[in-house]
């Protein structure tokens, strides 16, 4: 689902204009981005938590050439799903 589809879905569920939902979504994403840049955790009850974690420096080996490369440390966003979301996903049929 892309932004346009998400906005349309939310607008239909909230019976609100797409323009209002677009501003709401943009503000939410901007605010979440700012909080993550400040390394704060964002929690959405019944959905999950987003937090910034540091990945340590590591050595990578290219499988075909065996050339070793040092990958520097970096910050990444980690998502941990809530138990409510986990249970809902558990009840879904598998798509193998």
N, C-alpha and C. Protein backbone atom coordinates (compact mmCIF):
# COMPACT_ATOMS: atom_id res chain seq x y z
N UNK A 1 0.85 -1.18 0.00
CA UNK A 1 0.00 0.00 0.00
C UNK A 1 0.89 1.23 0.00
N UNK A 2 0.65 2.16 -0.92
CA UNK A 2 1.44 3.38 -0.96
C UNK A 2 0.71 4.50 -0.20
N UNK A 3 1.34 5.69 -0.15
CA UNK A 3 0.76 6.81 0.60
C UNK A 3 -0.65 7.16 0.12
N UNK A 4 -0.81 7.22 -1.20
CA UNK A 4 -2.11 7.61 -1.77
C UNK A 4 -3.21 6.64 -1.32
N UNK A 5 -2.90 5.35 -1.38
CA UNK A 5 -3.88 4.33 -0.98
C UNK A 5 -4.16 4.39 0.52
N UNK A 6 -3.11 4.62 1.31
CA UNK A 6 -3.28 4.73 2.77
C UNK A 6 -4.16 5.93 3.11
N UNK A 7 -3.90 7.05 2.47
CA UNK A 7 -4.69 8.27 2.71
C UNK A 7 -6.15 8.02 2.33
N UNK A 8 -6.39 7.39 1.18
CA UNK A 8 -7.76 7.10 0.74
C UNK A 8 -8.46 6.17 1.74
N UNK A 9 -7.77 5.15 2.21
CA UNK A 9 -8.35 4.21 3.17
C UNK A 9 -8.70 4.90 4.48
N UNK A 10 -7.77 5.71 4.99
CA UNK A 10 -8.01 6.43 6.24
C UNK A 10 -9.15 7.43 6.09
N UNK A 11 -9.20 8.13 4.97
CA UNK A 11 -10.25 9.13 4.72
C UNK A 11 -11.62 8.46 4.71
N UNK A 12 -11.68 7.29 4.08
CA UNK A 12 -12.96 6.57 4.02
C UNK A 12 -13.39 6.11 5.41
N UNK A 13 -12.45 5.59 6.20
CA UNK A 13 -12.78 5.10 7.54
C UNK A 13 -13.16 6.23 8.50
N UNK A 14 -12.55 7.41 8.29
CA UNK A 14 -12.80 8.54 9.19
C UNK A 14 -13.86 9.50 8.64
N UNK A 15 -14.33 9.21 7.42
CA UNK A 15 -15.29 10.10 6.76
C UNK A 15 -14.76 11.54 6.77
N UNK A 16 -13.50 11.70 6.34
CA UNK A 16 -12.83 13.00 6.34
C UNK A 16 -12.23 13.25 4.96
N UNK A 17 -12.01 14.52 4.63
CA UNK A 17 -11.40 14.83 3.33
C UNK A 17 -9.97 14.28 3.24
N UNK A 18 -9.60 13.83 2.05
CA UNK A 18 -8.25 13.30 1.84
C UNK A 18 -7.19 14.34 2.16
N UNK A 19 -7.46 15.61 1.90
CA UNK A 19 -6.48 16.67 2.15
C UNK A 19 -6.15 16.78 3.64
N UNK A 20 -7.15 16.59 4.49
CA UNK A 20 -6.93 16.64 5.94
C UNK A 20 -6.12 15.43 6.38
N UNK A 21 -6.45 14.27 5.87
CA UNK A 21 -5.73 13.04 6.21
C UNK A 21 -4.29 13.12 5.72
N UNK A 22 -4.08 13.70 4.55
CA UNK A 22 -2.71 13.85 4.02
C UNK A 22 -1.86 14.70 4.95
N UNK A 23 -2.41 15.79 5.46
CA UNK A 23 -1.69 16.65 6.40
C UNK A 23 -1.44 15.90 7.70
N UNK A 24 -2.44 15.18 8.17
CA UNK A 24 -2.30 14.39 9.40
C UNK A 24 -1.18 13.35 9.27
N UNK A 25 -1.18 12.63 8.15
CA UNK A 25 -0.16 11.60 7.93
C UNK A 25 1.23 12.23 7.80
N UNK A 26 1.33 13.31 7.04
CA UNK A 26 2.61 13.99 6.87
C UNK A 26 3.15 14.50 8.20
N UNK A 27 2.27 15.07 9.01
CA UNK A 27 2.68 15.57 10.33
C UNK A 27 3.13 14.43 11.23
N UNK A 28 2.41 13.31 11.19
CA UNK A 28 2.78 12.15 11.99
C UNK A 28 4.15 11.62 11.60
N UNK A 29 4.40 11.47 10.31
CA UNK A 29 5.69 10.96 9.83
C UNK A 29 6.81 11.93 10.20
N UNK A 30 6.59 13.22 10.01
CA UNK A 30 7.60 14.23 10.34
C UNK A 30 7.93 14.21 11.83
N UNK A 31 6.89 14.14 12.65
CA UNK A 31 7.09 14.12 14.10
C UNK A 31 7.84 12.86 14.53
N UNK A 32 7.44 11.72 13.99
CA UNK A 32 8.13 10.45 14.32
C UNK A 32 9.59 10.50 13.89
N UNK A 33 9.86 11.05 12.72
CA UNK A 33 11.24 11.17 12.23
C UNK A 33 12.06 12.04 13.17
N UNK A 34 11.51 13.18 13.57
CA UNK A 34 12.22 14.07 14.50
C UNK A 34 12.53 13.37 15.82
N UNK A 35 11.56 12.62 16.35
CA UNK A 35 11.78 11.92 17.62
C UNK A 35 12.84 10.83 17.48
N UNK A 36 12.83 10.10 16.37
CA UNK A 36 13.84 9.06 16.16
C UNK A 36 15.23 9.67 15.98
N UNK A 37 15.32 10.81 15.32
CA UNK A 37 16.62 11.50 15.18
C UNK A 37 17.15 11.89 16.56
N UNK A 38 16.25 12.21 17.48
CA UNK A 38 16.64 12.53 18.86
C UNK A 38 16.86 11.26 19.68
N UNK A 39 16.78 10.09 19.02
CA UNK A 39 16.96 8.78 19.63
C UNK A 39 15.94 8.49 20.73
N UNK A 40 14.72 8.95 20.52
CA UNK A 40 13.63 8.65 21.45
C UNK A 40 12.83 7.48 20.90
N UNK A 41 12.25 6.71 21.79
CA UNK A 41 11.41 5.57 21.40
C UNK A 41 9.99 6.06 21.15
N UNK A 42 9.36 5.53 20.10
CA UNK A 42 7.99 5.87 19.78
C UNK A 42 7.15 4.61 19.96
N UNK A 43 6.12 4.69 20.78
CA UNK A 43 5.27 3.54 21.02
C UNK A 43 3.84 3.80 20.58
N UNK A 44 3.30 2.88 19.80
CA UNK A 44 1.89 2.94 19.41
C UNK A 44 1.21 1.75 20.07
N UNK A 45 0.35 2.04 21.03
CA UNK A 45 -0.32 0.98 21.76
C UNK A 45 -1.08 0.10 20.77
N UNK A 46 -1.01 -1.17 20.94
CA UNK A 46 -1.62 -2.21 20.11
C UNK A 46 -0.97 -2.35 18.74
N UNK A 47 0.13 -1.62 18.50
CA UNK A 47 0.87 -1.77 17.23
C UNK A 47 2.31 -2.17 17.50
N UNK A 48 3.07 -1.33 18.20
CA UNK A 48 4.45 -1.67 18.52
C UNK A 48 5.29 -0.45 18.81
N UNK A 49 6.59 -0.68 19.00
CA UNK A 49 7.55 0.38 19.32
C UNK A 49 8.62 0.49 18.26
N UNK A 50 8.98 1.74 17.97
CA UNK A 50 10.09 2.04 17.08
C UNK A 50 11.18 2.67 17.93
N UNK A 51 12.42 2.20 17.76
CA UNK A 51 13.52 2.80 18.50
C UNK A 51 14.79 2.75 17.66
N UNK A 52 15.72 3.65 17.96
CA UNK A 52 16.99 3.71 17.26
C UNK A 52 17.98 2.83 18.02
N UNK A 53 18.67 1.98 17.27
CA UNK A 53 19.71 1.13 17.86
C UNK A 53 21.01 1.31 17.07
N UNK A 54 22.10 1.09 17.76
CA UNK A 54 23.41 1.19 17.10
C UNK A 54 23.86 -0.20 16.69
N UNK A 55 24.16 -0.36 15.39
CA UNK A 55 24.75 -1.62 14.91
C UNK A 55 26.26 -1.45 15.00
N UNK A 56 26.90 -2.38 15.64
CA UNK A 56 28.35 -2.30 15.84
C UNK A 56 29.09 -2.55 14.52
N UNK A 57 30.32 -2.11 14.51
CA UNK A 57 31.21 -2.36 13.38
C UNK A 57 31.36 -3.87 13.20
N UNK A 58 31.40 -4.31 11.93
CA UNK A 58 31.55 -5.75 11.71
C UNK A 58 32.33 -6.01 10.43
N UNK A 59 32.81 -7.22 10.32
CA UNK A 59 33.59 -7.64 9.16
C UNK A 59 32.68 -8.45 8.24
N UNK A 60 32.68 -8.09 6.96
CA UNK A 60 31.88 -8.80 5.98
C UNK A 60 32.82 -9.48 4.99
N UNK A 61 32.45 -10.68 4.55
CA UNK A 61 33.25 -11.41 3.57
C UNK A 61 32.39 -11.67 2.34
N UNK A 62 32.86 -11.20 1.18
CA UNK A 62 32.13 -11.44 -0.07
C UNK A 62 32.23 -12.93 -0.39
N UNK A 63 31.09 -13.61 -0.60
CA UNK A 63 31.12 -15.07 -0.75
C UNK A 63 31.91 -15.59 -1.95
N UNK A 64 31.89 -14.89 -3.06
CA UNK A 64 32.58 -15.43 -4.24
C UNK A 64 34.04 -15.01 -4.33
N UNK A 65 34.37 -13.80 -3.83
CA UNK A 65 35.76 -13.33 -3.95
C UNK A 65 36.55 -13.49 -2.65
N UNK A 66 35.85 -13.73 -1.56
CA UNK A 66 36.46 -13.84 -0.23
C UNK A 66 37.13 -12.53 0.23
N UNK A 67 36.81 -11.42 -0.43
CA UNK A 67 37.36 -10.12 -0.02
C UNK A 67 36.64 -9.68 1.25
N UNK A 68 37.46 -9.28 2.22
CA UNK A 68 36.92 -8.84 3.50
C UNK A 68 36.75 -7.33 3.50
N UNK A 69 35.62 -6.88 4.02
CA UNK A 69 35.31 -5.46 4.09
C UNK A 69 34.84 -5.12 5.49
N UNK A 70 35.37 -4.02 6.03
CA UNK A 70 34.95 -3.57 7.35
C UNK A 70 33.74 -2.65 7.19
N UNK A 71 32.64 -3.03 7.79
CA UNK A 71 31.42 -2.23 7.72
C UNK A 71 31.37 -1.38 8.98
N UNK A 72 31.33 -0.05 8.82
CA UNK A 72 31.38 0.83 9.99
C UNK A 72 30.09 0.76 10.82
N UNK A 73 30.15 1.22 12.07
CA UNK A 73 28.94 1.23 12.89
C UNK A 73 27.91 2.19 12.30
N UNK A 74 26.64 1.91 12.55
CA UNK A 74 25.59 2.81 12.06
C UNK A 74 24.36 2.71 12.95
N UNK A 75 23.51 3.72 12.85
CA UNK A 75 22.26 3.74 13.58
C UNK A 75 21.15 3.23 12.67
N UNK A 76 20.28 2.37 13.22
CA UNK A 76 19.17 1.80 12.46
C UNK A 76 17.90 1.91 13.30
N UNK A 77 16.76 1.93 12.63
CA UNK A 77 15.48 1.93 13.33
C UNK A 77 15.03 0.49 13.50
N UNK A 78 14.67 0.14 14.72
CA UNK A 78 14.20 -1.20 15.04
C UNK A 78 12.71 -1.11 15.41
N UNK A 79 11.94 -2.11 14.95
CA UNK A 79 10.52 -2.17 15.29
C UNK A 79 10.25 -3.45 16.07
N UNK A 80 9.57 -3.30 17.20
CA UNK A 80 9.16 -4.47 17.99
C UNK A 80 7.64 -4.43 18.07
N UNK A 81 7.02 -5.46 17.50
CA UNK A 81 5.55 -5.50 17.47
C UNK A 81 4.97 -5.75 18.85
N UNK A 82 3.76 -5.22 19.05
CA UNK A 82 3.05 -5.44 20.31
C UNK A 82 2.49 -6.85 20.34
N UNK A 83 2.14 -7.30 21.52
CA UNK A 83 1.52 -8.63 21.65
C UNK A 83 0.18 -8.68 20.94
N UNK A 84 -0.55 -7.57 20.94
CA UNK A 84 -1.85 -7.52 20.26
C UNK A 84 -1.67 -7.75 18.76
N UNK A 85 -0.70 -7.05 18.15
CA UNK A 85 -0.43 -7.22 16.72
C UNK A 85 0.08 -8.63 16.45
N UNK A 86 0.95 -9.11 17.32
CA UNK A 86 1.49 -10.47 17.16
C UNK A 86 0.38 -11.51 17.14
N UNK A 87 -0.59 -11.36 18.05
CA UNK A 87 -1.71 -12.30 18.11
C UNK A 87 -2.59 -12.22 16.86
N UNK A 88 -2.82 -11.01 16.36
CA UNK A 88 -3.62 -10.85 15.14
C UNK A 88 -2.93 -11.48 13.94
N UNK A 89 -1.62 -11.32 13.85
CA UNK A 89 -0.88 -11.91 12.74
C UNK A 89 -0.83 -13.44 12.85
N UNK A 90 -0.80 -13.94 14.08
CA UNK A 90 -0.76 -15.38 14.32
C UNK A 90 -2.02 -16.05 13.80
N UNK A 91 -3.14 -15.34 13.88
CA UNK A 91 -4.43 -15.89 13.46
C UNK A 91 -4.67 -15.81 11.95
N UNK A 92 -3.77 -15.14 11.23
CA UNK A 92 -3.94 -15.00 9.78
C UNK A 92 -3.53 -16.28 9.06
N UNK A 93 -4.17 -16.59 7.92
CA UNK A 93 -3.73 -17.75 7.14
C UNK A 93 -2.36 -17.48 6.53
N UNK A 94 -1.56 -18.53 6.40
CA UNK A 94 -0.21 -18.40 5.82
C UNK A 94 -0.30 -18.35 4.30
N UNK A 95 0.56 -17.54 3.69
CA UNK A 95 0.62 -17.44 2.23
C UNK A 95 1.94 -18.05 1.76
N UNK A 96 1.97 -19.34 1.59
CA UNK A 96 3.21 -20.01 1.19
C UNK A 96 3.35 -20.09 -0.30
